Amino acid sequence: MKRSELADMPCSLAGALAEIGDAWSLMVIKELLLGNRRFEGIRAQTGMSSNSLAQRLKALEDHGAVSRRAYQDHPVRYEYTPTEKGISLWPVLVSLTQWGDRWVRKGAPPLSFGHRSCGHDASPVVACARCGAPMTARDADARMSAGMRRDRALRSRGN
């Protein structure tokens, strides 16, 4: 299966991965959320080639996760900002960062999060929207729609 075919699956994760599922796109969103708004600044911090960064920014803009506006006319240069769709990736980036702190990096985390309201260090968690209790995979049941169950059955049969 090609990455572009992920968007056709009745699975929200597959659709999300089709739009922003590569490491470079997430690194670009991270830079934008850190306040890095200009092409050269993003390129310097990610180490991406200019061509690769231009492609990612264009794709993120096409998918509505990033917007751009000219800040200079001659030559035209753009500033990039995350849209609400891009900002909503924050919990994904926090979760991946925390996973990397635990399983990949050794020593003190290179990036931490503070809660603006109270000023304390924060360690955001996934929690139940109804009761507020923290959740892990061991606390969750997967509830597939009828369409997803049909799709999985067809894939299991090789269709």
N, C-alpha and C. Protein backbone atom coordinates (compact mmCIF):
# COMPACT_ATOMS: atom_id res chain seq x y z
N MET A 1 0.84 -1.18 0.00
CA MET A 1 0.00 0.00 0.00
C MET A 1 0.89 1.24 0.00
N LYS A 2 0.51 2.19 -0.81
CA LYS A 2 1.22 3.46 -0.86
C LYS A 2 0.72 4.38 0.24
N ARG A 3 1.59 5.29 0.67
CA ARG A 3 1.20 6.24 1.72
C ARG A 3 -0.03 7.04 1.30
N SER A 4 -0.12 7.39 0.04
CA SER A 4 -1.26 8.18 -0.44
C SER A 4 -2.57 7.42 -0.30
N GLU A 5 -2.53 6.09 -0.26
CA GLU A 5 -3.73 5.28 -0.12
C GLU A 5 -4.23 5.22 1.32
N LEU A 6 -3.40 5.64 2.27
CA LEU A 6 -3.83 5.66 3.67
C LEU A 6 -5.07 6.53 3.87
N ALA A 7 -5.13 7.62 3.14
CA ALA A 7 -6.25 8.56 3.29
C ALA A 7 -7.59 7.92 2.94
N ASP A 8 -7.58 6.85 2.14
CA ASP A 8 -8.82 6.20 1.73
C ASP A 8 -9.33 5.18 2.74
N MET A 9 -8.51 4.85 3.73
CA MET A 9 -8.92 3.87 4.73
C MET A 9 -9.90 4.52 5.72
N PRO A 10 -10.88 3.75 6.23
CA PRO A 10 -11.80 4.30 7.22
C PRO A 10 -11.20 4.29 8.63
N CYS A 11 -10.00 4.82 8.74
CA CYS A 11 -9.27 4.85 10.00
C CYS A 11 -8.70 6.26 10.17
N SER A 12 -9.06 6.93 11.24
CA SER A 12 -8.60 8.30 11.45
C SER A 12 -7.09 8.38 11.58
N LEU A 13 -6.46 7.39 12.20
CA LEU A 13 -5.00 7.39 12.31
C LEU A 13 -4.37 7.31 10.93
N ALA A 14 -4.90 6.45 10.07
CA ALA A 14 -4.36 6.33 8.71
C ALA A 14 -4.51 7.65 7.96
N GLY A 15 -5.66 8.30 8.10
CA GLY A 15 -5.87 9.59 7.45
C GLY A 15 -4.91 10.65 7.96
N ALA A 16 -4.70 10.67 9.28
CA ALA A 16 -3.77 11.64 9.87
C ALA A 16 -2.35 11.38 9.39
N LEU A 17 -1.96 10.12 9.33
CA LEU A 17 -0.62 9.79 8.86
C LEU A 17 -0.43 10.13 7.39
N ALA A 18 -1.50 10.02 6.61
CA ALA A 18 -1.41 10.40 5.20
C ALA A 18 -1.12 11.89 5.06
N GLU A 19 -1.62 12.70 5.98
CA GLU A 19 -1.40 14.15 5.91
C GLU A 19 -0.10 14.60 6.55
N ILE A 20 0.22 14.11 7.73
CA ILE A 20 1.37 14.65 8.47
C ILE A 20 2.25 13.57 9.07
N GLY A 21 2.19 12.36 8.53
CA GLY A 21 2.84 11.23 9.17
C GLY A 21 4.33 11.07 8.99
N ASP A 22 5.00 11.99 8.34
CA ASP A 22 6.44 11.81 8.23
C ASP A 22 7.15 12.64 9.29
N ALA A 23 8.33 12.20 9.66
CA ALA A 23 9.09 12.85 10.73
C ALA A 23 9.36 14.32 10.43
N TRP A 24 9.67 14.65 9.19
CA TRP A 24 10.02 16.03 8.86
C TRP A 24 8.84 16.98 9.05
N SER A 25 7.65 16.54 8.70
CA SER A 25 6.47 17.40 8.88
C SER A 25 6.25 17.70 10.36
N LEU A 26 6.43 16.69 11.21
CA LEU A 26 6.28 16.91 12.64
C LEU A 26 7.37 17.81 13.19
N MET A 27 8.58 17.71 12.65
CA MET A 27 9.66 18.60 13.08
C MET A 27 9.36 20.05 12.67
N VAL A 28 8.77 20.24 11.51
CA VAL A 28 8.39 21.59 11.07
C VAL A 28 7.32 22.15 12.01
N ILE A 29 6.31 21.35 12.33
CA ILE A 29 5.26 21.80 13.25
C ILE A 29 5.87 22.13 14.61
N LYS A 30 6.80 21.31 15.09
CA LYS A 30 7.46 21.60 16.37
C LYS A 30 8.13 22.96 16.33
N GLU A 31 8.86 23.25 15.26
CA GLU A 31 9.53 24.54 15.15
C GLU A 31 8.54 25.70 15.15
N LEU A 32 7.44 25.53 14.43
CA LEU A 32 6.41 26.57 14.40
C LEU A 32 5.82 26.80 15.78
N LEU A 33 5.57 25.70 16.51
CA LEU A 33 5.01 25.83 17.86
C LEU A 33 6.02 26.42 18.84
N LEU A 34 7.30 26.29 18.54
CA LEU A 34 8.34 26.93 19.36
C LEU A 34 8.52 28.40 18.99
N GLY A 35 7.78 28.87 17.96
CA GLY A 35 7.84 30.27 17.57
C GLY A 35 8.77 30.58 16.42
N ASN A 36 9.37 29.57 15.83
CA ASN A 36 10.25 29.73 14.68
C ASN A 36 9.37 29.86 13.44
N ARG A 37 9.32 31.02 12.82
CA ARG A 37 8.33 31.28 11.77
C ARG A 37 8.91 31.43 10.36
N ARG A 38 10.21 31.55 10.25
CA ARG A 38 10.80 31.83 8.93
C ARG A 38 11.56 30.64 8.38
N PHE A 39 11.52 30.54 7.06
CA PHE A 39 12.09 29.41 6.34
C PHE A 39 13.51 29.10 6.79
N GLU A 40 14.38 30.08 6.76
CA GLU A 40 15.80 29.83 7.10
C GLU A 40 15.96 29.41 8.54
N GLY A 41 15.15 29.96 9.43
CA GLY A 41 15.22 29.55 10.83
C GLY A 41 14.79 28.11 11.02
N ILE A 42 13.73 27.72 10.33
CA ILE A 42 13.25 26.34 10.40
C ILE A 42 14.28 25.40 9.80
N ARG A 43 14.84 25.79 8.66
CA ARG A 43 15.85 24.96 8.00
C ARG A 43 17.06 24.77 8.90
N ALA A 44 17.50 25.84 9.54
CA ALA A 44 18.69 25.76 10.40
C ALA A 44 18.44 24.82 11.58
N GLN A 45 17.25 24.88 12.18
CA GLN A 45 16.98 24.07 13.36
C GLN A 45 16.68 22.61 13.04
N THR A 46 16.16 22.33 11.86
CA THR A 46 15.83 20.95 11.52
C THR A 46 16.94 20.26 10.73
N GLY A 47 17.78 21.05 10.07
CA GLY A 47 18.82 20.46 9.22
C GLY A 47 18.29 19.96 7.89
N MET A 48 17.07 20.31 7.55
CA MET A 48 16.46 19.87 6.30
C MET A 48 17.08 20.61 5.12
N SER A 49 17.06 19.98 3.96
CA SER A 49 17.45 20.68 2.74
C SER A 49 16.37 21.69 2.40
N SER A 50 16.73 22.72 1.67
CA SER A 50 15.75 23.74 1.28
C SER A 50 14.60 23.13 0.49
N ASN A 51 14.92 22.22 -0.42
CA ASN A 51 13.89 21.59 -1.25
C ASN A 51 12.92 20.77 -0.40
N SER A 52 13.46 19.99 0.52
CA SER A 52 12.63 19.16 1.37
C SER A 52 11.74 20.01 2.28
N LEU A 53 12.29 21.08 2.84
CA LEU A 53 11.51 21.96 3.69
C LEU A 53 10.41 22.65 2.89
N ALA A 54 10.74 23.12 1.70
CA ALA A 54 9.73 23.78 0.85
C ALA A 54 8.58 22.82 0.55
N GLN A 55 8.90 21.55 0.26
CA GLN A 55 7.86 20.56 -0.01
C GLN A 55 6.98 20.32 1.21
N ARG A 56 7.59 20.20 2.39
CA ARG A 56 6.82 19.96 3.62
C ARG A 56 5.93 21.16 3.94
N LEU A 57 6.47 22.36 3.84
CA LEU A 57 5.67 23.55 4.13
C LEU A 57 4.49 23.65 3.17
N LYS A 58 4.72 23.36 1.91
CA LYS A 58 3.65 23.41 0.91
C LYS A 58 2.57 22.37 1.23
N ALA A 59 2.99 21.15 1.56
CA ALA A 59 2.03 20.10 1.89
C ALA A 59 1.24 20.46 3.15
N LEU A 60 1.93 20.97 4.17
CA LEU A 60 1.25 21.36 5.40
C LEU A 60 0.27 22.51 5.15
N GLU A 61 0.65 23.42 4.26
CA GLU A 61 -0.26 24.51 3.89
C GLU A 61 -1.46 23.96 3.11
N ASP A 62 -1.21 23.06 2.16
CA ASP A 62 -2.29 22.46 1.38
C ASP A 62 -3.29 21.71 2.27
N HIS A 63 -2.79 21.10 3.35
CA HIS A 63 -3.65 20.34 4.26
C HIS A 63 -4.26 21.22 5.34
N GLY A 64 -3.92 22.51 5.34
CA GLY A 64 -4.55 23.43 6.28
C GLY A 64 -3.93 23.46 7.67
N ALA A 65 -2.73 22.91 7.83
CA ALA A 65 -2.07 22.91 9.14
C ALA A 65 -1.16 24.13 9.32
N VAL A 66 -0.82 24.78 8.22
CA VAL A 66 0.10 25.93 8.24
C VAL A 66 -0.46 27.00 7.31
N SER A 67 -0.27 28.25 7.70
CA SER A 67 -0.60 29.35 6.79
C SER A 67 0.67 30.16 6.57
N ARG A 68 0.71 30.89 5.48
CA ARG A 68 1.88 31.72 5.21
C ARG A 68 1.44 33.10 4.78
N ARG A 69 2.31 34.06 5.07
CA ARG A 69 2.06 35.43 4.61
C ARG A 69 3.40 36.06 4.30
N ALA A 70 3.40 36.88 3.28
CA ALA A 70 4.62 37.56 2.87
C ALA A 70 4.99 38.61 3.91
N TYR A 71 6.26 38.65 4.28
CA TYR A 71 6.74 39.70 5.17
C TYR A 71 7.75 40.59 4.46
N GLN A 72 8.08 40.23 3.21
CA GLN A 72 9.03 41.01 2.41
C GLN A 72 8.64 40.86 0.95
N ASP A 73 8.75 41.97 0.19
CA ASP A 73 8.33 41.94 -1.21
C ASP A 73 9.45 41.64 -2.20
N HIS A 74 10.62 42.16 -2.00
CA HIS A 74 11.71 42.00 -2.99
C HIS A 74 12.96 41.50 -2.33
N PRO A 75 13.31 40.24 -2.44
CA PRO A 75 12.49 39.14 -2.98
C PRO A 75 11.38 38.79 -1.99
N VAL A 76 10.37 38.12 -2.52
CA VAL A 76 9.25 37.72 -1.67
C VAL A 76 9.74 36.66 -0.68
N ARG A 77 9.48 36.93 0.59
CA ARG A 77 9.80 35.98 1.65
C ARG A 77 8.56 35.82 2.53
N TYR A 78 8.40 34.62 3.05
CA TYR A 78 7.19 34.30 3.79
C TYR A 78 7.48 33.95 5.25
N GLU A 79 6.47 34.23 6.05
CA GLU A 79 6.45 33.82 7.44
C GLU A 79 5.36 32.75 7.55
N TYR A 80 5.65 31.71 8.30
CA TYR A 80 4.72 30.58 8.43
C TYR A 80 4.19 30.53 9.86
N THR A 81 2.90 30.25 9.98
CA THR A 81 2.30 30.11 11.30
C THR A 81 1.42 28.87 11.31
N PRO A 82 1.34 28.21 12.46
CA PRO A 82 0.44 27.06 12.54
C PRO A 82 -1.00 27.54 12.62
N THR A 83 -1.88 26.88 11.93
CA THR A 83 -3.31 27.16 12.03
C THR A 83 -3.85 26.41 13.26
N GLU A 84 -5.14 26.53 13.51
CA GLU A 84 -5.73 25.75 14.61
C GLU A 84 -5.48 24.26 14.39
N LYS A 85 -5.55 23.83 13.14
CA LYS A 85 -5.30 22.42 12.83
C LYS A 85 -3.86 22.05 13.20
N GLY A 86 -2.91 22.91 12.89
CA GLY A 86 -1.52 22.66 13.25
C GLY A 86 -1.29 22.71 14.75
N ILE A 87 -1.90 23.70 15.41
CA ILE A 87 -1.76 23.82 16.86
C ILE A 87 -2.33 22.60 17.57
N SER A 88 -3.37 22.02 16.99
CA SER A 88 -3.99 20.86 17.63
C SER A 88 -3.09 19.62 17.60
N LEU A 89 -1.95 19.69 16.91
CA LEU A 89 -0.97 18.60 16.94
C LEU A 89 -0.11 18.64 18.20
N TRP A 90 -0.25 19.69 19.01
CA TRP A 90 0.58 19.84 20.21
C TRP A 90 0.57 18.60 21.10
N PRO A 91 -0.60 18.01 21.43
CA PRO A 91 -0.56 16.83 22.30
C PRO A 91 0.20 15.66 21.67
N VAL A 92 0.13 15.55 20.35
CA VAL A 92 0.86 14.48 19.66
C VAL A 92 2.36 14.70 19.85
N LEU A 93 2.81 15.93 19.65
CA LEU A 93 4.24 16.24 19.80
C LEU A 93 4.69 16.06 21.25
N VAL A 94 3.86 16.47 22.21
CA VAL A 94 4.21 16.29 23.62
C VAL A 94 4.33 14.80 23.94
N SER A 95 3.38 14.01 23.47
CA SER A 95 3.43 12.57 23.74
C SER A 95 4.66 11.93 23.12
N LEU A 96 4.99 12.28 21.89
CA LEU A 96 6.19 11.73 21.25
C LEU A 96 7.45 12.19 21.97
N THR A 97 7.47 13.44 22.43
CA THR A 97 8.61 13.95 23.17
C THR A 97 8.79 13.18 24.47
N GLN A 98 7.70 12.98 25.20
CA GLN A 98 7.79 12.23 26.45
C GLN A 98 8.22 10.78 26.21
N TRP A 99 7.74 10.19 25.14
CA TRP A 99 8.15 8.83 24.79
C TRP A 99 9.65 8.81 24.51
N GLY A 100 10.14 9.80 23.75
CA GLY A 100 11.57 9.89 23.46
C GLY A 100 12.40 10.11 24.71
N ASP A 101 11.90 10.93 25.64
CA ASP A 101 12.61 11.14 26.91
C ASP A 101 12.76 9.83 27.67
N ARG A 102 11.72 9.02 27.64
CA ARG A 102 11.75 7.77 28.40
C ARG A 102 12.54 6.65 27.72
N TRP A 103 12.36 6.52 26.40
CA TRP A 103 12.88 5.33 25.73
C TRP A 103 14.09 5.58 24.83
N VAL A 104 14.36 6.83 24.46
CA VAL A 104 15.43 7.10 23.49
C VAL A 104 16.58 7.89 24.10
N ARG A 105 16.30 9.01 24.71
CA ARG A 105 17.32 9.89 25.28
C ARG A 105 17.68 9.46 26.68
N LYS A 106 18.92 9.69 27.06
CA LYS A 106 19.37 9.41 28.42
C LYS A 106 19.68 10.74 29.11
N GLY A 107 19.47 10.80 30.40
CA GLY A 107 19.75 12.02 31.13
C GLY A 107 18.57 12.96 31.16
N ALA A 108 18.86 14.19 31.50
CA ALA A 108 17.80 15.20 31.62
C ALA A 108 17.16 15.46 30.26
N PRO A 109 15.84 15.59 30.24
CA PRO A 109 15.17 15.89 28.96
C PRO A 109 15.66 17.21 28.38
N PRO A 110 15.91 17.25 27.07
CA PRO A 110 16.38 18.49 26.44
C PRO A 110 15.29 19.56 26.32
N LEU A 111 14.03 19.17 26.46
CA LEU A 111 12.90 20.10 26.37
C LEU A 111 11.87 19.68 27.40
N SER A 112 11.41 20.64 28.18
CA SER A 112 10.34 20.33 29.13
C SER A 112 9.22 21.34 28.93
N PHE A 113 8.11 21.11 29.61
CA PHE A 113 6.93 21.94 29.45
C PHE A 113 6.54 22.53 30.80
N GLY A 114 6.20 23.80 30.80
CA GLY A 114 5.71 24.45 32.00
C GLY A 114 4.28 24.89 31.79
N HIS A 115 3.50 24.85 32.86
CA HIS A 115 2.11 25.26 32.80
C HIS A 115 2.02 26.76 33.07
N ARG A 116 1.58 27.54 32.10
CA ARG A 116 1.54 28.99 32.24
C ARG A 116 0.66 29.45 33.40
N SER A 117 -0.43 28.76 33.63
CA SER A 117 -1.37 29.20 34.67
C SER A 117 -0.77 29.16 36.07
N CYS A 118 -0.04 28.08 36.38
CA CYS A 118 0.48 27.94 37.74
C CYS A 118 1.99 28.07 37.82
N GLY A 119 2.68 28.00 36.68
CA GLY A 119 4.13 28.15 36.66
C GLY A 119 4.91 26.88 36.94
N HIS A 120 4.26 25.80 37.29
CA HIS A 120 4.96 24.56 37.60
C HIS A 120 5.35 23.80 36.34
N ASP A 121 6.34 22.93 36.51
CA ASP A 121 6.67 22.00 35.43
C ASP A 121 5.46 21.14 35.17
N ALA A 122 5.26 20.81 33.93
CA ALA A 122 4.09 20.02 33.56
C ALA A 122 4.51 18.75 32.85
N SER A 123 3.74 17.74 33.04
CA SER A 123 3.90 16.49 32.32
C SER A 123 2.51 16.11 31.84
N PRO A 124 2.10 16.67 30.69
CA PRO A 124 0.75 16.42 30.20
C PRO A 124 0.48 14.92 30.02
N VAL A 125 -0.74 14.53 30.30
CA VAL A 125 -1.14 13.13 30.20
C VAL A 125 -2.43 13.02 29.40
N VAL A 126 -2.67 11.84 28.86
CA VAL A 126 -3.95 11.55 28.23
C VAL A 126 -4.91 11.20 29.36
N ALA A 127 -6.07 11.84 29.35
CA ALA A 127 -7.05 11.61 30.41
C ALA A 127 -8.44 11.43 29.82
N CYS A 128 -9.29 10.76 30.54
CA CYS A 128 -10.68 10.59 30.15
C CYS A 128 -11.38 11.96 30.17
N ALA A 129 -12.03 12.29 29.08
CA ALA A 129 -12.72 13.58 28.99
C ALA A 129 -13.90 13.65 29.96
N ARG A 130 -14.46 12.53 30.35
CA ARG A 130 -15.63 12.51 31.22
C ARG A 130 -15.25 12.61 32.70
N CYS A 131 -14.35 11.73 33.17
CA CYS A 131 -14.06 11.69 34.60
C CYS A 131 -12.71 12.31 34.97
N GLY A 132 -11.86 12.57 33.96
CA GLY A 132 -10.57 13.21 34.22
C GLY A 132 -9.47 12.26 34.64
N ALA A 133 -9.75 10.98 34.77
CA ALA A 133 -8.73 10.01 35.19
C ALA A 133 -7.68 9.83 34.09
N PRO A 134 -6.40 9.77 34.46
CA PRO A 134 -5.36 9.49 33.47
C PRO A 134 -5.61 8.13 32.81
N MET A 135 -5.21 8.02 31.55
CA MET A 135 -5.43 6.78 30.80
C MET A 135 -4.16 6.33 30.12
N THR A 136 -3.98 5.01 30.05
CA THR A 136 -2.94 4.39 29.24
C THR A 136 -3.65 3.41 28.31
N ALA A 137 -2.90 2.73 27.47
CA ALA A 137 -3.48 1.73 26.58
C ALA A 137 -4.17 0.62 27.38
N ARG A 138 -3.67 0.34 28.57
CA ARG A 138 -4.28 -0.71 29.41
C ARG A 138 -5.66 -0.31 29.94
N ASP A 139 -5.98 0.98 29.90
CA ASP A 139 -7.25 1.48 30.42
C ASP A 139 -8.27 1.74 29.32
N ALA A 140 -7.95 1.42 28.09
CA ALA A 140 -8.82 1.79 26.96
C ALA A 140 -9.34 0.56 26.23
N ASP A 141 -10.54 0.69 25.72
CA ASP A 141 -11.13 -0.30 24.82
C ASP A 141 -11.23 0.34 23.44
N ALA A 142 -10.82 -0.38 22.41
CA ALA A 142 -10.96 0.11 21.04
C ALA A 142 -12.37 -0.23 20.57
N ARG A 143 -13.08 0.79 20.08
CA ARG A 143 -14.46 0.61 19.63
C ARG A 143 -14.53 1.00 18.16
N MET A 144 -14.50 0.00 17.29
CA MET A 144 -14.48 0.25 15.85
C MET A 144 -15.89 0.46 15.30
N SER A 145 -15.97 1.38 14.34
CA SER A 145 -17.23 1.58 13.64
C SER A 145 -17.50 0.36 12.75
N ALA A 146 -18.73 0.26 12.29
CA ALA A 146 -19.08 -0.84 11.39
C ALA A 146 -18.25 -0.77 10.12
N GLY A 147 -18.03 0.44 9.61
CA GLY A 147 -17.21 0.60 8.40
C GLY A 147 -15.78 0.14 8.58
N MET A 148 -15.22 0.44 9.72
CA MET A 148 -13.84 0.01 9.98
C MET A 148 -13.77 -1.51 10.14
N ARG A 149 -14.76 -2.10 10.80
CA ARG A 149 -14.79 -3.56 10.94
C ARG A 149 -14.89 -4.23 9.57
N ARG A 150 -15.76 -3.69 8.68
CA ARG A 150 -15.89 -4.24 7.31
C ARG A 150 -14.56 -4.12 6.57
N ASP A 151 -13.93 -2.95 6.64
CA ASP A 151 -12.67 -2.74 5.95
C ASP A 151 -11.61 -3.72 6.44
N ARG A 152 -11.53 -3.92 7.75
CA ARG A 152 -10.54 -4.84 8.30
C ARG A 152 -10.82 -6.28 7.89
N ALA A 153 -12.11 -6.65 7.83
CA ALA A 153 -12.47 -8.00 7.40
C ALA A 153 -12.06 -8.21 5.94
N LEU A 154 -12.33 -7.22 5.09
CA LEU A 154 -11.93 -7.33 3.68
C LEU A 154 -10.41 -7.43 3.55
N ARG A 155 -9.67 -6.67 4.30
CA ARG A 155 -8.21 -6.72 4.24
C ARG A 155 -7.70 -8.08 4.73
N SER A 156 -8.35 -8.64 5.73
CA SER A 156 -7.95 -9.96 6.25
C SER A 156 -8.14 -11.05 5.21
N ARG A 157 -9.16 -10.87 4.36
CA ARG A 157 -9.42 -11.85 3.29
C ARG A 157 -8.56 -11.63 2.07
N GLY A 158 -7.81 -10.52 2.07
CA GLY A 158 -6.94 -10.23 0.94
C GLY A 158 -7.61 -9.44 -0.17
N ASN A 159 -8.76 -8.84 0.06
CA ASN A 159 -9.47 -8.04 -0.96
C ASN A 159 -9.10 -6.60 -0.87
